[in-house]
Amino acid sequence: MSSGLERTLIKTWHEKNGLSFTLRPFSWLFCLIAIIRRFAYRTGLLRSTRLPVPVIIVGNLTVGGTGKTPVVIYLAELLKSAGYHPGIVSRGYKGKATSWPQQVRPDSDPVMVGDEAIVISRRTRCPMAVGPERTVAAKALLDHHDCDVIISDDGLQHYALQRSLEIVVIDGVRRFGNGYCLPAGPLREPLSRLQSVDLKLTNGTAANDEIALRYQFNDLISLHDTSLRQELSGMKGQTVHAIAGIGNPQRFFDLLRQQGLKVIEHSFPDHYYYYESDIVFDDEYPVLMTEKDAVKCSRFAKKNSWYLPVSVKIENDFDTKLVELLGSRKRINNG
C-alpha cells in the first residue's frame, strides 16, 4: 500500500466523511462475516483447539498499533513473579521463514521470525514460538518446554485457538476511530465485541470499564554497543533524528518532544525492513529509534544510534485481578 493511500485511509477511518459513507455497505458486509465466523467457532461449525494449559489473548479491536507488545512483556513478568512458567506465541508478522512454526530465541534473525518476536524474546527470556497458525505454534511450545500458561501476542480474532482470558488493548487517543468496520473504519469486529472480553487496557484516558496503563521509558541503549546507556533527559534541547516503523509512529515522536527534544521525523511503514541509508544522515545529530526498529538496524548502526526501551505501568489492582481470573479459569480448564 502506498504511503499516500495509507494516509488517506487512516484519515478516513477516524472521520465520518464522504469516503467512509461510500464504503459503509462493504463495512456492514465485513461486520456480518466477522459475526458469522465467530458464531461458527463458538458452536463448533468451525474447529477450534483447546490446549491443556490456559491461554491468554492480548489483542485489539482496531487495525494498527495499540501498544500490545509492552503489555505482553508485562504479563510475562507478572506471571513469572506469580510462580507460572509462561510461553508466548505470535504470528511472526513479516517473518520470511520457509517453514512454520519457528522457535524464537533472543539471537534469532528478525528477518525470519519478525521484529516484535525478537523484542519479546529478549525482554522476557520466555520460551516463544511464532507462526500463522497460533495453535500449531502453541503445541510446539508445549512439546519442547514446561509451560503452564500460554500468552498470545495478538490473535483476538484467531478463533481456532480457544482462550481462557481475553485482554484488549485500546489506543486512548485514536480509540475506535469513526466506529465503522473495515474498510470504512478501523474496526476488525463490531464494537459490541468488547462486551465479551475479560479486561480492557487503555494507553491513555480510560473509560469507566477500562483500566489505564501508561508507558514508562527507560534509559537509551546504544545500538553500536548495548553496554552503553544514557538518560533520555540528557538529550533535552538537542536536535535528533527519530526513526519509527511502528503502527503509530507519531506516538514515539510526541514522546520525544515531550521530553524537550527537537525531533526530525522519519516515519516508515509498520515492520519496515531497513537499509543503512535509512538511518545514516549527513550530519552529527543522534539517531533515536524504537526497540522494535533497533533489532533490524543494529547490524549497520553507527555510534550515535540509540534505541528507547518502553515498559508499561498498569493502574488499579490489575495484577491481582489478572492472577485471580487466571486461577479460576485454570481450574475450569483442568475440570
C-alpha atoms as a PDB file:
ATOM      1  CA  MET A   1       0.000   0.000   0.000  1.00  0.00           C
ATOM      2  CA  SER A   2       1.411   3.413  -0.951  1.00  0.00           C
ATOM      3  CA  SER A   3       2.058   5.887   1.853  1.00  0.00           C
ATOM      4  CA  GLY A   4      -0.381   8.361   0.269  1.00  0.00           C
ATOM      5  CA  LEU A   5      -3.196   5.803   0.100  1.00  0.00           C
ATOM      6  CA  GLU A   6      -2.382   4.646   3.622  1.00  0.00           C
ATOM      7  CA  ARG A   7      -2.626   8.199   4.972  1.00  0.00           C
ATOM      8  CA  THR A   8      -5.945   8.692   3.161  1.00  0.00           C
ATOM      9  CA  LEU A   9      -7.407   5.516   4.638  1.00  0.00           C
ATOM     10  CA  ILE A  10      -6.212   6.322   8.155  1.00  0.00           C
ATOM     11  CA  LYS A  11      -7.732   9.791   7.872  1.00  0.00           C
ATOM     12  CA  THR A  12     -10.971   8.250   6.609  1.00  0.00           C
ATOM     13  CA  TRP A  13     -11.030   5.694   9.427  1.00  0.00           C
ATOM     14  CA  HIS A  14     -11.054   8.465  12.021  1.00  0.00           C
ATOM     15  CA  GLU A  15     -13.700  10.629  10.406  1.00  0.00           C
ATOM     16  CA  LYS A  16     -17.221  10.264   9.109  1.00  0.00           C
ATOM     17  CA  ASN A  17     -16.796  11.717   5.650  1.00  0.00           C
ATOM     18  CA  GLY A  18     -17.864  11.063   2.077  1.00  0.00           C
ATOM     19  CA  LEU A  19     -15.430   8.200   1.523  1.00  0.00           C
ATOM     20  CA  SER A  20     -16.307   6.410   4.755  1.00  0.00           C
ATOM     21  CA  PHE A  21     -20.017   6.828   3.942  1.00  0.00           C
ATOM     22  CA  THR A  22     -19.456   5.353   0.461  1.00  0.00           C
ATOM     23  CA  LEU A  23     -17.640   2.360   1.949  1.00  0.00           C
ATOM     24  CA  ARG A  24     -20.245   1.652   4.624  1.00  0.00           C
ATOM     25  CA  PRO A  25     -22.055  -1.144   2.676  1.00  0.00           C
ATOM     26  CA  PHE A  26     -18.753  -3.025   2.486  1.00  0.00           C
ATOM     27  CA  SER A  27     -18.265  -2.323   6.201  1.00  0.00           C
ATOM     28  CA  TRP A  28     -21.638  -3.883   7.014  1.00  0.00           C
ATOM     29  CA  LEU A  29     -20.705  -6.960   4.984  1.00  0.00           C
ATOM     30  CA  PHE A  30     -17.355  -7.197   6.804  1.00  0.00           C
ATOM     31  CA  CYS A  31     -19.114  -6.975  10.192  1.00  0.00           C
ATOM     32  CA  LEU A  32     -21.613  -9.637   9.204  1.00  0.00           C
ATOM     33  CA  ILE A  33     -18.877 -12.023   8.089  1.00  0.00           C
ATOM     34  CA  ALA A  34     -16.958 -11.388  11.350  1.00  0.00           C
ATOM     35  CA  ILE A  35     -20.063 -12.149  13.433  1.00  0.00           C
ATOM     36  CA  ILE A  36     -20.892 -15.312  11.466  1.00  0.00           C
ATOM     37  CA  ARG A  37     -17.297 -16.521  11.676  1.00  0.00           C
ATOM     38  CA  ARG A  38     -17.134 -16.113  15.449  1.00  0.00           C
ATOM     39  CA  PHE A  39     -20.525 -17.824  15.815  1.00  0.00           C
ATOM     40  CA  ALA A  40     -19.277 -20.746  13.706  1.00  0.00           C
ATOM     41  CA  TYR A  41     -16.284 -21.277  16.009  1.00  0.00           C
ATOM     42  CA  ARG A  42     -18.347 -20.925  19.178  1.00  0.00           C
ATOM     43  CA  THR A  43     -20.925 -23.501  18.015  1.00  0.00           C
ATOM     44  CA  GLY A  44     -18.407 -25.974  16.611  1.00  0.00           C
ATOM     45  CA  LEU A  45     -19.229 -25.452  12.936  1.00  0.00           C
ATOM     46  CA  LEU A  46     -15.577 -24.482  12.563  1.00  0.00           C
ATOM     47  CA  ARG A  47     -12.993 -26.416  14.525  1.00  0.00           C
ATOM     48  CA  SER A  48     -11.102 -24.836  17.398  1.00  0.00           C
ATOM     49  CA  THR A  49      -8.444 -26.333  19.652  1.00  0.00           C
ATOM     50  CA  ARG A  50      -8.386 -26.349  23.440  1.00  0.00           C
ATOM     51  CA  LEU A  51      -4.900 -26.632  24.910  1.00  0.00           C
ATOM     52  CA  PRO A  52      -4.142 -28.419  28.190  1.00  0.00           C
ATOM     53  CA  VAL A  53      -2.995 -25.108  29.714  1.00  0.00           C
ATOM     54  CA  PRO A  54      -4.749 -21.722  29.993  1.00  0.00           C
ATOM     55  CA  VAL A  55      -4.382 -19.300  27.071  1.00  0.00           C
ATOM     56  CA  ILE A  56      -4.328 -15.505  27.499  1.00  0.00           C
ATOM     57  CA  ILE A  57      -5.041 -13.480  24.378  1.00  0.00           C
ATOM     58  CA  VAL A  58      -3.655  -9.935  24.173  1.00  0.00           C
ATOM     59  CA  GLY A  59      -5.300  -8.300  21.177  1.00  0.00           C
ATOM     60  CA  ASN A  60      -7.022  -5.255  19.813  1.00  0.00           C
ATOM     61  CA  LEU A  61     -10.210  -4.436  18.005  1.00  0.00           C
ATOM     62  CA  THR A  62      -8.674  -1.993  15.548  1.00  0.00           C
ATOM     63  CA  VAL A  63      -6.157  -2.067  12.733  1.00  0.00           C
ATOM     64  CA  GLY A  64      -2.792  -0.546  13.631  1.00  0.00           C
ATOM     65  CA  GLY A  65      -0.616  -0.463  16.709  1.00  0.00           C
ATOM     66  CA  THR A  66      -2.132  -0.001  20.147  1.00  0.00           C
ATOM     67  CA  GLY A  67       0.919  -0.992  22.200  1.00  0.00           C
ATOM     68  CA  LYS A  68       0.295  -4.720  22.714  1.00  0.00           C
ATOM     69  CA  THR A  69       3.951  -5.774  22.797  1.00  0.00           C
ATOM     70  CA  PRO A  70       4.849  -3.955  26.069  1.00  0.00           C
ATOM     71  CA  VAL A  71       1.690  -5.430  27.612  1.00  0.00           C
ATOM     72  CA  VAL A  72       2.745  -8.956  26.608  1.00  0.00           C
ATOM     73  CA  ILE A  73       6.144  -8.343  28.201  1.00  0.00           C
ATOM     74  CA  TYR A  74       4.475  -7.012  31.358  1.00  0.00           C
ATOM     75  CA  LEU A  75       2.197 -10.068  31.573  1.00  0.00           C
ATOM     76  CA  ALA A  76       5.099 -12.477  31.145  1.00  0.00           C
ATOM     77  CA  GLU A  77       6.995 -10.849  34.017  1.00  0.00           C
ATOM     78  CA  LEU A  78       3.854 -10.714  36.175  1.00  0.00           C
ATOM     79  CA  LEU A  79       3.103 -14.402  35.645  1.00  0.00           C
ATOM     80  CA  LYS A  80       6.692 -15.436  36.348  1.00  0.00           C
ATOM     81  CA  SER A  81       6.604 -13.500  39.622  1.00  0.00           C
ATOM     82  CA  ALA A  82       3.344 -15.331  40.466  1.00  0.00           C
ATOM     83  CA  GLY A  83       5.044 -18.711  40.030  1.00  0.00           C
ATOM     84  CA  TYR A  84       3.931 -19.547  36.476  1.00  0.00           C
ATOM     85  CA  HIS A  85       6.088 -20.684  33.561  1.00  0.00           C
ATOM     86  CA  PRO A  86       4.648 -18.758  30.610  1.00  0.00           C
ATOM     87  CA  GLY A  87       5.248 -19.444  26.948  1.00  0.00           C
ATOM     88  CA  ILE A  88       4.472 -16.874  24.263  1.00  0.00           C
ATOM     89  CA  VAL A  89       3.124 -17.274  20.746  1.00  0.00           C
ATOM     90  CA  SER A  90       2.743 -14.750  17.955  1.00  0.00           C
ATOM     91  CA  ARG A  91       2.107 -14.704  14.247  1.00  0.00           C
ATOM     92  CA  GLY A  92       5.660 -13.685  13.368  1.00  0.00           C
ATOM     93  CA  TYR A  93       4.285 -10.992  11.085  1.00  0.00           C
ATOM     94  CA  LYS A  94       6.556 -10.195   8.112  1.00  0.00           C
ATOM     95  CA  GLY A  95       8.828 -13.100   9.041  1.00  0.00           C
ATOM     96  CA  LYS A  96      10.243 -14.784   5.946  1.00  0.00           C
ATOM     97  CA  ALA A  97      10.894 -18.271   7.292  1.00  0.00           C
ATOM     98  CA  THR A  98      10.056 -21.013   4.795  1.00  0.00           C
ATOM     99  CA  SER A  99       8.595 -23.343   7.429  1.00  0.00           C
ATOM    100  CA  TRP A 100       6.420 -22.752  10.469  1.00  0.00           C
ATOM    101  CA  PRO A 101       6.257 -22.697  13.412  1.00  0.00           C
ATOM    102  CA  GLN A 102       9.611 -21.211  14.359  1.00  0.00           C
ATOM    103  CA  GLN A 103      11.069 -21.287  17.849  1.00  0.00           C
ATOM    104  CA  VAL A 104      12.288 -17.813  18.832  1.00  0.00           C
ATOM    105  CA  ARG A 105      15.432 -17.046  20.810  1.00  0.00           C
ATOM    106  CA  PRO A 106      16.968 -13.681  21.693  1.00  0.00           C
ATOM    107  CA  ASP A 107      19.546 -14.164  18.926  1.00  0.00           C
ATOM    108  CA  SER A 108      17.050 -15.267  16.243  1.00  0.00           C
ATOM    109  CA  ASP A 109      17.023 -13.432  12.916  1.00  0.00           C
ATOM    110  CA  PRO A 110      14.226 -10.811  12.841  1.00  0.00           C
ATOM    111  CA  VAL A 111      14.011 -11.242   9.069  1.00  0.00           C
ATOM    112  CA  MET A 112      12.967 -14.861   9.619  1.00  0.00           C
ATOM    113  CA  VAL A 113      10.665 -14.575  12.653  1.00  0.00           C
ATOM    114  CA  GLY A 114       9.598 -10.910  12.726  1.00  0.00           C
ATOM    115  CA  ASP A 115      10.814  -7.910  14.702  1.00  0.00           C
ATOM    116  CA  GLU A 116       8.294  -7.934  17.562  1.00  0.00           C
ATOM    117  CA  ALA A 117       9.103 -11.557  18.370  1.00  0.00           C
ATOM    118  CA  ILE A 118      12.767 -10.677  18.939  1.00  0.00           C
ATOM    119  CA  VAL A 119      11.866  -7.796  21.254  1.00  0.00           C
ATOM    120  CA  ILE A 120       9.585 -10.036  23.319  1.00  0.00           C
ATOM    121  CA  SER A 121      12.103 -12.885  23.483  1.00  0.00           C
ATOM    122  CA  ARG A 122      14.953 -10.610  24.551  1.00  0.00           C
ATOM    123  CA  ARG A 123      12.924  -8.801  27.198  1.00  0.00           C
ATOM    124  CA  THR A 124      11.147 -11.805  28.730  1.00  0.00           C
ATOM    125  CA  ARG A 125      13.554 -14.711  28.141  1.00  0.00           C
ATOM    126  CA  CYS A 126      10.442 -16.876  27.919  1.00  0.00           C
ATOM    127  CA  PRO A 127      10.012 -19.794  25.514  1.00  0.00           C
ATOM    128  CA  MET A 128       8.434 -18.412  22.350  1.00  0.00           C
ATOM    129  CA  ALA A 129       7.215 -19.721  19.013  1.00  0.00           C
ATOM    130  CA  VAL A 130       5.732 -17.927  16.017  1.00  0.00           C
ATOM    131  CA  GLY A 131       3.655 -18.967  13.064  1.00  0.00           C
ATOM    132  CA  PRO A 132       0.490 -18.072  11.136  1.00  0.00           C
ATOM    133  CA  GLU A 133      -1.377 -20.861  12.989  1.00  0.00           C
ATOM    134  CA  ARG A 134      -1.050 -19.974  16.654  1.00  0.00           C
ATOM    135  CA  THR A 135      -2.474 -23.328  17.708  1.00  0.00           C
ATOM    136  CA  VAL A 136       0.399 -25.117  15.987  1.00  0.00           C
ATOM    137  CA  ALA A 137       2.914 -22.681  17.487  1.00  0.00           C
ATOM    138  CA  ALA A 138       1.477 -23.224  20.973  1.00  0.00           C
ATOM    139  CA  LYS A 139       1.609 -27.012  20.612  1.00  0.00           C
ATOM    140  CA  ALA A 140       5.249 -26.733  19.546  1.00  0.00           C
ATOM    141  CA  LEU A 141       5.993 -24.790  22.726  1.00  0.00           C
ATOM    142  CA  LEU A 142       4.273 -27.371  24.902  1.00  0.00           C
ATOM    143  CA  ASP A 143       6.173 -30.172  23.155  1.00  0.00           C
ATOM    144  CA  HIS A 144       9.557 -28.619  23.930  1.00  0.00           C
ATOM    145  CA  HIS A 145       9.065 -26.561  27.090  1.00  0.00           C
ATOM    146  CA  ASP A 146       7.457 -26.909  30.506  1.00  0.00           C
ATOM    147  CA  CYS A 147       4.920 -24.083  30.038  1.00  0.00           C
ATOM    148  CA  ASP A 148       1.833 -23.931  32.223  1.00  0.00           C
ATOM    149  CA  VAL A 149       0.220 -20.901  30.559  1.00  0.00           C
ATOM    150  CA  ILE A 150       0.358 -19.506  27.009  1.00  0.00           C
ATOM    151  CA  ILE A 151       0.267 -15.786  26.180  1.00  0.00           C
ATOM    152  CA  SER A 152      -0.772 -14.994  22.620  1.00  0.00           C
ATOM    153  CA  ASP A 153       0.526 -11.707  21.233  1.00  0.00           C
ATOM    154  CA  ASP A 154      -2.420 -10.572  19.112  1.00  0.00           C
ATOM    155  CA  GLY A 155      -4.901 -13.194  17.942  1.00  0.00           C
ATOM    156  CA  LEU A 156      -8.179 -11.826  19.314  1.00  0.00           C
ATOM    157  CA  GLN A 157      -9.755 -12.838  16.004  1.00  0.00           C
ATOM    158  CA  HIS A 158      -7.798 -16.127  15.744  1.00  0.00           C
ATOM    159  CA  TYR A 159     -10.655 -18.265  16.996  1.00  0.00           C
ATOM    160  CA  ALA A 160      -9.059 -21.561  16.001  1.00  0.00           C
ATOM    161  CA  LEU A 161      -7.237 -21.267  19.337  1.00  0.00           C
ATOM    162  CA  GLN A 162      -9.568 -21.438  22.333  1.00  0.00           C
ATOM    163  CA  ARG A 163      -8.809 -18.934  25.068  1.00  0.00           C
ATOM    164  CA  SER A 164      -9.184 -18.696  28.823  1.00  0.00           C
ATOM    165  CA  LEU A 165      -8.792 -14.908  29.082  1.00  0.00           C
ATOM    166  CA  GLU A 166      -9.082 -12.063  26.595  1.00  0.00           C
ATOM    167  CA  ILE A 167      -7.355  -8.727  27.122  1.00  0.00           C
ATOM    168  CA  VAL A 168      -7.986  -5.898  24.665  1.00  0.00           C
ATOM    169  CA  VAL A 169      -5.528  -3.001  24.398  1.00  0.00           C
ATOM    170  CA  ILE A 170      -7.084   0.325  23.353  1.00  0.00           C
ATOM    171  CA  ASP A 171      -5.373   3.400  21.951  1.00  0.00           C
ATOM    172  CA  GLY A 172      -6.596   6.145  24.276  1.00  0.00           C
ATOM    173  CA  VAL A 173      -6.188   8.833  21.599  1.00  0.00           C
ATOM    174  CA  ARG A 174      -7.458   7.142  18.453  1.00  0.00           C
ATOM    175  CA  ARG A 175      -9.819   4.811  20.334  1.00  0.00           C
ATOM    176  CA  PHE A 176     -12.159   3.248  17.739  1.00  0.00           C
ATOM    177  CA  GLY A 177     -11.994   5.899  15.031  1.00  0.00           C
ATOM    178  CA  ASN A 178     -15.303   6.521  13.332  1.00  0.00           C
ATOM    179  CA  GLY A 179     -16.769   3.323  14.806  1.00  0.00           C
ATOM    180  CA  TYR A 180     -17.075   1.516  11.459  1.00  0.00           C
ATOM    181  CA  CYS A 181     -15.654  -1.861  10.498  1.00  0.00           C
ATOM    182  CA  LEU A 182     -13.192  -2.246   7.642  1.00  0.00           C
ATOM    183  CA  PRO A 183     -12.907  -0.838   5.046  1.00  0.00           C
ATOM    184  CA  ALA A 184     -14.938   2.228   6.102  1.00  0.00           C
ATOM    185  CA  GLY A 185     -13.327   2.302   9.550  1.00  0.00           C
ATOM    186  CA  PRO A 186     -10.543   0.683  11.578  1.00  0.00           C
ATOM    187  CA  LEU A 187     -12.582  -1.999  13.361  1.00  0.00           C
ATOM    188  CA  ARG A 188     -11.829  -5.687  12.834  1.00  0.00           C
ATOM    189  CA  GLU A 189     -15.080  -6.612  14.595  1.00  0.00           C
ATOM    190  CA  PRO A 190     -18.138  -4.635  15.742  1.00  0.00           C
ATOM    191  CA  LEU A 191     -17.766  -2.599  18.932  1.00  0.00           C
ATOM    192  CA  SER A 192     -20.202  -4.979  20.631  1.00  0.00           C
ATOM    193  CA  ARG A 193     -17.322  -7.485  20.746  1.00  0.00           C
ATOM    194  CA  LEU A 194     -15.882  -5.522  23.676  1.00  0.00           C
ATOM    195  CA  GLN A 195     -18.737  -6.723  25.869  1.00  0.00           C
ATOM    196  CA  SER A 196     -17.342 -10.271  25.879  1.00  0.00           C
ATOM    197  CA  VAL A 197     -13.676  -9.617  26.700  1.00  0.00           C
ATOM    198  CA  ASP A 198     -12.354 -10.005  30.227  1.00  0.00           C
ATOM    199  CA  LEU A 199     -10.149  -6.931  30.623  1.00  0.00           C
ATOM    200  CA  LYS A 200      -9.726  -3.679  28.696  1.00  0.00           C
ATOM    201  CA  LEU A 201      -6.452  -1.769  28.955  1.00  0.00           C
ATOM    202  CA  THR A 202      -6.241   1.790  27.644  1.00  0.00           C
ATOM    203  CA  ASN A 203      -2.975   3.605  26.988  1.00  0.00           C
ATOM    204  CA  GLY A 204      -4.363   6.972  27.946  1.00  0.00           C
ATOM    205  CA  THR A 205      -7.602   8.199  29.471  1.00  0.00           C
ATOM    206  CA  ALA A 206      -9.678   5.147  30.380  1.00  0.00           C
ATOM    207  CA  ALA A 207     -13.466   4.859  30.262  1.00  0.00           C
ATOM    208  CA  ASN A 208     -15.436   3.507  33.221  1.00  0.00           C
ATOM    209  CA  ASP A 209     -14.917  -0.179  32.450  1.00  0.00           C
ATOM    210  CA  GLU A 210     -11.307   0.208  31.277  1.00  0.00           C
ATOM    211  CA  ILE A 211      -8.012   0.038  33.175  1.00  0.00           C
ATOM    212  CA  ALA A 212      -5.490   2.760  32.418  1.00  0.00           C
ATOM    213  CA  LEU A 213      -1.911   1.986  31.539  1.00  0.00           C
ATOM    214  CA  ARG A 214       0.933   4.363  30.890  1.00  0.00           C
ATOM    215  CA  TYR A 215       4.245   3.968  29.155  1.00  0.00           C
ATOM    216  CA  GLN A 216       7.489   4.297  31.040  1.00  0.00           C
ATOM    217  CA  PHE A 217      10.638   4.833  29.029  1.00  0.00           C
ATOM    218  CA  ASN A 218      13.949   3.510  30.250  1.00  0.00           C
ATOM    219  CA  ASP A 219      17.495   4.668  29.527  1.00  0.00           C
ATOM    220  CA  LEU A 220      18.570   4.960  25.914  1.00  0.00           C
ATOM    221  CA  ILE A 221      20.693   1.992  24.796  1.00  0.00           C
ATOM    222  CA  SER A 222      23.370   2.221  22.121  1.00  0.00           C
ATOM    223  CA  LEU A 223      22.842   0.083  19.028  1.00  0.00           C
ATOM    224  CA  HIS A 224      26.596   0.046  18.466  1.00  0.00           C
ATOM    225  CA  ASP A 225      27.415  -1.178  21.987  1.00  0.00           C
ATOM    226  CA  THR A 226      24.488  -2.295  24.157  1.00  0.00           C
ATOM    227  CA  SER A 227      26.546  -1.838  27.326  1.00  0.00           C
ATOM    228  CA  LEU A 228      26.385   1.936  26.742  1.00  0.00           C
ATOM    229  CA  ARG A 229      23.355   3.733  28.167  1.00  0.00           C
ATOM    230  CA  GLN A 230      22.282   7.281  28.824  1.00  0.00           C
ATOM    231  CA  GLU A 231      19.215   9.034  30.179  1.00  0.00           C
ATOM    232  CA  LEU A 232      16.827  10.481  27.638  1.00  0.00           C
ATOM    233  CA  SER A 233      16.729  13.678  29.681  1.00  0.00           C
ATOM    234  CA  GLY A 234      20.409  14.142  28.852  1.00  0.00           C
ATOM    235  CA  MET A 235      19.397  14.989  25.275  1.00  0.00           C
ATOM    236  CA  LYS A 236      16.954  17.702  26.261  1.00  0.00           C
ATOM    237  CA  GLY A 237      17.241  20.640  23.861  1.00  0.00           C
ATOM    238  CA  GLN A 238      19.168  18.625  21.277  1.00  0.00           C
ATOM    239  CA  THR A 239      18.118  18.010  17.695  1.00  0.00           C
ATOM    240  CA  VAL A 240      17.739  14.310  16.913  1.00  0.00           C
ATOM    241  CA  HIS A 241      16.703  12.110  14.011  1.00  0.00           C
ATOM    242  CA  ALA A 242      13.767   9.966  15.180  1.00  0.00           C
ATOM    243  CA  ILE A 243      13.142   6.677  13.363  1.00  0.00           C
ATOM    244  CA  ALA A 244       9.823   4.854  13.751  1.00  0.00           C
ATOM    245  CA  GLY A 245       8.427   1.969  11.728  1.00  0.00           C
ATOM    246  CA  ILE A 246       5.557   1.082  14.052  1.00  0.00           C
ATOM    247  CA  GLY A 247       1.771   1.141  13.937  1.00  0.00           C
ATOM    248  CA  ASN A 248       1.557   4.704  15.263  1.00  0.00           C
ATOM    249  CA  PRO A 249       4.910   6.496  14.703  1.00  0.00           C
ATOM    250  CA  GLN A 250       3.533   9.813  15.932  1.00  0.00           C
ATOM    251  CA  ARG A 251       3.269   8.421  19.453  1.00  0.00           C
ATOM    252  CA  PHE A 252       7.069   7.936  19.510  1.00  0.00           C
ATOM    253  CA  PHE A 253       7.777  11.373  18.047  1.00  0.00           C
ATOM    254  CA  ASP A 254       5.427  13.035  20.533  1.00  0.00           C
ATOM    255  CA  LEU A 255       7.064  11.221  23.442  1.00  0.00           C
ATOM    256  CA  LEU A 256      10.479  12.595  22.447  1.00  0.00           C
ATOM    257  CA  ARG A 257       9.132  16.124  22.063  1.00  0.00           C
ATOM    258  CA  GLN A 258       7.506  15.897  25.481  1.00  0.00           C
ATOM    259  CA  GLN A 259      10.992  15.324  26.885  1.00  0.00           C
ATOM    260  CA  GLY A 260      12.269  18.521  25.291  1.00  0.00           C
ATOM    261  CA  LEU A 261      13.989  17.068  22.223  1.00  0.00           C
ATOM    262  CA  LYS A 262      13.891  18.729  18.808  1.00  0.00           C
ATOM    263  CA  VAL A 263      12.724  15.972  16.509  1.00  0.00           C
ATOM    264  CA  ILE A 264      13.388  15.403  12.807  1.00  0.00           C
ATOM    265  CA  GLU A 265      10.765  12.788  11.971  1.00  0.00           C
ATOM    266  CA  HIS A 266      11.465   9.729   9.806  1.00  0.00           C
ATOM    267  CA  SER A 267       8.304   7.636   9.605  1.00  0.00           C
ATOM    268  CA  PHE A 268       8.274   4.199   7.965  1.00  0.00           C
ATOM    269  CA  PRO A 269       5.578   1.544   7.470  1.00  0.00           C
ATOM    270  CA  ASP A 270       4.998  -0.867  10.334  1.00  0.00           C
ATOM    271  CA  HIS A 271       7.502  -3.783  10.293  1.00  0.00           C
ATOM    272  CA  TYR A 272       9.605  -1.983   7.676  1.00  0.00           C
ATOM    273  CA  TYR A 273      12.833  -3.716   6.577  1.00  0.00           C
ATOM    274  CA  TYR A 274      15.582  -1.114   6.946  1.00  0.00           C
ATOM    275  CA  TYR A 275      18.615  -0.337   4.829  1.00  0.00           C
ATOM    276  CA  GLU A 276      21.689   1.516   6.040  1.00  0.00           C
ATOM    277  CA  SER A 277      20.754   4.582   4.010  1.00  0.00           C
ATOM    278  CA  ASP A 278      17.501   4.865   6.003  1.00  0.00           C
ATOM    279  CA  ILE A 279      19.249   5.646   9.284  1.00  0.00           C
ATOM    280  CA  VAL A 280      22.553   7.307   8.254  1.00  0.00           C
ATOM    281  CA  PHE A 281      22.479  11.073   7.694  1.00  0.00           C
ATOM    282  CA  ASP A 282      24.948  13.752   6.596  1.00  0.00           C
ATOM    283  CA  ASP A 283      25.121  15.438   9.990  1.00  0.00           C
ATOM    284  CA  GLU A 284      26.175  14.722  13.563  1.00  0.00           C
ATOM    285  CA  TYR A 285      22.705  14.601  15.126  1.00  0.00           C
ATOM    286  CA  PRO A 286      21.982  11.498  17.239  1.00  0.00           C
ATOM    287  CA  VAL A 287      19.638   8.896  15.766  1.00  0.00           C
ATOM    288  CA  LEU A 288      16.896   7.612  18.086  1.00  0.00           C
ATOM    289  CA  MET A 289      14.524   4.769  17.320  1.00  0.00           C
ATOM    290  CA  THR A 290      12.119   2.316  18.914  1.00  0.00           C
ATOM    291  CA  GLU A 291      13.269  -1.020  20.269  1.00  0.00           C
ATOM    292  CA  LYS A 292      11.369  -2.817  17.514  1.00  0.00           C
ATOM    293  CA  ASP A 293      13.246  -0.871  14.848  1.00  0.00           C
ATOM    294  CA  ALA A 294      16.565  -1.422  16.601  1.00  0.00           C
ATOM    295  CA  VAL A 295      16.528  -5.206  16.203  1.00  0.00           C
ATOM    296  CA  LYS A 296      16.680  -4.684  12.433  1.00  0.00           C
ATOM    297  CA  CYS A 297      19.173  -1.804  12.402  1.00  0.00           C
ATOM    298  CA  SER A 298      21.880  -2.937  14.830  1.00  0.00           C
ATOM    299  CA  ARG A 299      23.914  -4.655  12.108  1.00  0.00           C
ATOM    300  CA  PHE A 300      24.783  -1.352  10.412  1.00  0.00           C
ATOM    301  CA  ALA A 301      24.190   1.196  13.180  1.00  0.00           C
ATOM    302  CA  LYS A 302      26.714   3.966  13.805  1.00  0.00           C
ATOM    303  CA  LYS A 303      27.999   5.130  17.185  1.00  0.00           C
ATOM    304  CA  ASN A 304      25.392   7.885  17.541  1.00  0.00           C
ATOM    305  CA  SER A 305      22.428   5.495  17.174  1.00  0.00           C
ATOM    306  CA  TRP A 306      20.263   4.744  20.211  1.00  0.00           C
ATOM    307  CA  TYR A 307      17.005   2.964  20.950  1.00  0.00           C
ATOM    308  CA  LEU A 308      14.455   3.628  23.668  1.00  0.00           C
ATOM    309  CA  PRO A 309      13.044   0.602  25.511  1.00  0.00           C
ATOM    310  CA  VAL A 310       9.494   1.195  26.705  1.00  0.00           C
ATOM    311  CA  SER A 311       7.677  -0.535  29.564  1.00  0.00           C
ATOM    312  CA  VAL A 312       4.149  -0.172  30.876  1.00  0.00           C
ATOM    313  CA  LYS A 313       2.717   0.535  34.302  1.00  0.00           C
ATOM    314  CA  ILE A 314      -0.858  -0.620  34.785  1.00  0.00           C
ATOM    315  CA  GLU A 315      -3.056   1.114  37.313  1.00  0.00           C
ATOM    316  CA  ASN A 316      -5.508  -0.089  39.930  1.00  0.00           C
ATOM    317  CA  ASP A 317      -5.476  -3.732  41.031  1.00  0.00           C
ATOM    318  CA  PHE A 318      -4.823  -5.211  37.587  1.00  0.00           C
ATOM    319  CA  ASP A 319      -2.116  -7.623  38.778  1.00  0.00           C
ATOM    320  CA  THR A 320      -4.305  -9.155  41.465  1.00  0.00           C
ATOM    321  CA  LYS A 321      -7.340  -9.286  39.187  1.00  0.00           C
ATOM    322  CA  LEU A 322      -5.406 -10.989  36.391  1.00  0.00           C
ATOM    323  CA  VAL A 323      -3.880 -13.652  38.640  1.00  0.00           C
ATOM    324  CA  GLU A 324      -7.242 -14.351  40.285  1.00  0.00           C
ATOM    325  CA  LEU A 325      -9.014 -14.623  36.930  1.00  0.00           C
ATOM    326  CA  LEU A 326      -6.315 -16.913  35.589  1.00  0.00           C
ATOM    327  CA  GLY A 327      -6.557 -19.119  38.663  1.00  0.00           C
ATOM    328  CA  SER A 328     -10.311 -19.504  38.265  1.00  0.00           C
ATOM    329  CA  ARG A 329     -10.066 -20.214  34.533  1.00  0.00           C
ATOM    330  CA  LYS A 330      -7.225 -22.673  35.161  1.00  0.00           C
ATOM    331  CA  ARG A 331      -9.479 -24.681  37.460  1.00  0.00           C
ATOM    332  CA  ILE A 332     -12.155 -24.712  34.750  1.00  0.00           C
ATOM    333  CA  ASN A 333      -9.553 -25.714  32.154  1.00  0.00           C
ATOM    334  CA  ASN A 334      -8.482 -28.656  34.335  1.00  0.00           C
ATOM    335  CA  GLY A 335     -12.051 -29.644  35.071  1.00  0.00           C
END
